[in-house]
Amino acid sequence: MKTKLFFRTIALFVFAFVGTMNINAKSDNNLVYNYEQKDGMMVAQTVYKQEGGSLSNYLKYNYKYDDQKRMVESETVKWNSIKNRWDNDMCIRYTYEGKTVTTEYYKWNGKKAQYVLVPEMTVTVDAPVM
């Protein structure tokens, strides 16, 4: 039970870190969040910019979980107003082995049309013994 809490804490930390990076980059704008849940788990979060009296798409986060309800992927897409679509930006993938969690950061490569691993951003941590 304590290990599950630790993994959820790690996941929330990553959410907060990634979200803070994106929000701080545009701190002069009003942002509005819409959360999507499925079976009690947050599966997506859309961020809108409030401009005057209207909202416009800005960012979207998509989340995937394993059968133990541990996050295995967090994807960020950005709104492309010129092409009127969501474009891939980055992806964070989590793997769990015993008490070890590995977090891998991927950046979208448009020329290859796939996410490419950024090895220097990979982090492996062990859950503390409680």
Protein backbone atom coordinates (compact mmCIF):
# COMPACT_ATOMS: atom_id res chain seq x y z
CA MET A 1 0.00 0.00 0.00
CA LYS A 2 2.81 2.42 0.87
CA THR A 3 4.60 1.54 -2.38
CA LYS A 4 1.45 2.37 -4.35
CA LEU A 5 1.31 5.74 -2.59
CA PHE A 6 4.96 6.34 -3.45
CA PHE A 7 4.36 5.64 -7.16
CA ARG A 8 1.35 7.92 -7.23
CA THR A 9 3.40 10.62 -5.53
CA ILE A 10 6.11 10.25 -8.20
CA ALA A 11 3.47 10.49 -10.95
CA LEU A 12 1.94 13.61 -9.41
CA PHE A 13 5.38 15.18 -9.10
CA VAL A 14 6.02 14.62 -12.81
CA PHE A 15 2.57 16.06 -13.68
CA ALA A 16 3.30 19.12 -11.59
CA PHE A 17 6.79 19.53 -13.03
CA VAL A 18 5.71 19.25 -16.67
CA GLY A 19 2.62 21.38 -16.08
CA THR A 20 4.63 24.04 -14.29
CA MET A 21 7.16 24.23 -17.12
CA ASN A 22 4.39 24.84 -19.65
CA ILE A 23 2.40 27.25 -17.49
CA ASN A 24 5.44 29.30 -16.49
CA ALA A 25 6.33 29.73 -20.13
CA LYS A 26 3.00 31.54 -20.65
CA SER A 27 2.36 32.99 -17.20
CA ASP A 28 0.78 36.17 -18.62
CA ASN A 29 -2.21 34.22 -20.03
CA ASN A 30 -5.31 32.98 -18.27
CA LEU A 31 -5.42 29.20 -18.51
CA VAL A 32 -8.50 27.02 -18.10
CA TYR A 33 -8.29 23.26 -17.48
CA ASN A 34 -10.69 20.49 -18.46
CA TYR A 35 -10.08 17.03 -16.98
CA GLU A 36 -11.30 13.78 -18.52
CA GLN A 37 -11.70 10.70 -16.34
CA LYS A 38 -12.42 7.07 -17.06
CA ASP A 39 -13.09 4.57 -14.27
CA GLY A 40 -11.89 7.11 -11.69
CA MET A 41 -8.55 7.71 -13.44
CA MET A 42 -7.57 10.95 -15.18
CA VAL A 43 -6.96 10.00 -18.84
CA ALA A 44 -6.65 13.47 -20.36
CA GLN A 45 -6.34 17.10 -19.45
CA THR A 46 -6.96 19.89 -21.96
CA VAL A 47 -5.59 23.36 -21.30
CA TYR A 48 -7.26 26.35 -22.95
CA LYS A 49 -6.10 29.96 -23.15
CA GLN A 50 -8.71 32.53 -22.30
CA GLU A 51 -8.47 35.38 -24.79
CA GLY A 52 -11.07 38.05 -24.24
CA GLY A 53 -14.39 36.29 -23.90
CA SER A 54 -13.41 33.07 -25.65
CA LEU A 55 -11.26 30.01 -25.07
CA SER A 56 -8.74 28.60 -27.52
CA ASN A 57 -6.93 25.27 -27.49
CA TYR A 58 -3.42 25.39 -26.04
CA LEU A 59 -2.12 22.06 -24.65
CA LYS A 60 -3.43 18.59 -24.08
CA TYR A 61 -2.05 15.85 -21.83
CA ASN A 62 -2.97 12.20 -22.43
CA TYR A 63 -2.33 9.57 -19.77
CA LYS A 64 -2.13 5.77 -19.93
CA TYR A 65 -2.11 3.31 -17.02
CA ASP A 66 -1.29 -0.36 -16.52
CA ASP A 67 -3.62 -2.93 -14.96
CA GLN A 68 -2.33 -1.94 -11.51
CA LYS A 69 -3.42 1.68 -12.13
CA ARG A 70 0.17 2.89 -12.37
CA MET A 71 0.87 5.56 -14.96
CA VAL A 72 2.88 4.16 -17.86
CA GLU A 73 2.72 7.12 -20.24
CA SER A 74 2.12 10.87 -20.17
CA GLU A 75 1.94 12.53 -23.57
CA THR A 76 1.84 16.28 -24.27
CA VAL A 77 0.44 17.66 -27.51
CA LYS A 78 0.31 21.33 -28.53
CA TRP A 79 -2.40 23.06 -30.52
CA ASN A 80 -1.31 24.13 -34.00
CA SER A 81 -3.64 27.02 -34.89
CA ILE A 82 -2.30 27.25 -38.45
CA LYS A 83 -3.10 23.61 -39.26
CA ASN A 84 -6.04 23.50 -36.83
CA ARG A 85 -4.90 20.28 -35.14
CA TRP A 86 -3.06 18.83 -32.15
CA ASP A 87 0.65 18.22 -32.82
CA ASN A 88 2.79 15.80 -30.80
CA ASP A 89 5.37 17.43 -28.53
CA MET A 90 6.73 15.08 -25.88
CA CYS A 91 6.08 11.82 -24.11
CA ILE A 92 7.18 10.48 -20.74
CA ARG A 93 7.11 6.71 -20.27
CA TYR A 94 7.36 4.86 -16.96
CA THR A 95 8.46 1.28 -16.41
CA TYR A 96 8.15 -0.57 -13.12
CA GLU A 97 10.36 -3.44 -12.00
CA GLY A 98 9.88 -4.44 -8.39
CA LYS A 99 10.50 -1.31 -6.36
CA THR A 100 12.30 0.46 -9.21
CA VAL A 101 10.68 3.06 -11.47
CA THR A 102 12.38 4.25 -14.66
CA THR A 103 11.19 7.46 -16.28
CA GLU A 104 12.14 8.02 -19.92
CA TYR A 105 11.63 11.34 -21.73
CA TYR A 106 10.89 11.39 -25.46
CA LYS A 107 10.69 14.41 -27.77
CA TRP A 108 8.68 14.38 -31.01
CA ASN A 109 10.76 14.28 -34.20
CA GLY A 110 8.67 15.51 -37.12
CA LYS A 111 11.10 14.26 -39.78
CA LYS A 112 10.99 10.72 -38.37
CA ALA A 113 7.31 11.03 -37.39
CA GLN A 114 7.99 9.38 -34.04
CA TYR A 115 9.05 10.08 -30.49
CA VAL A 116 12.81 9.94 -29.99
CA LEU A 117 14.38 9.09 -26.64
CA VAL A 118 16.36 11.85 -24.90
CA PRO A 119 18.73 9.57 -22.92
CA GLU A 120 20.13 12.28 -20.63
CA MET A 121 16.61 12.81 -19.25
CA THR A 122 16.15 9.15 -18.19
CA VAL A 123 15.83 8.73 -14.42
CA THR A 124 15.64 5.54 -12.35
CA VAL A 125 14.61 5.61 -8.70
CA ASP A 126 13.94 3.03 -6.02
CA ALA A 127 10.91 3.27 -3.79
CA PRO A 128 11.92 3.73 -0.15
CA VAL A 129 11.43 0.79 2.16
CA MET A 130 8.60 1.62 4.58
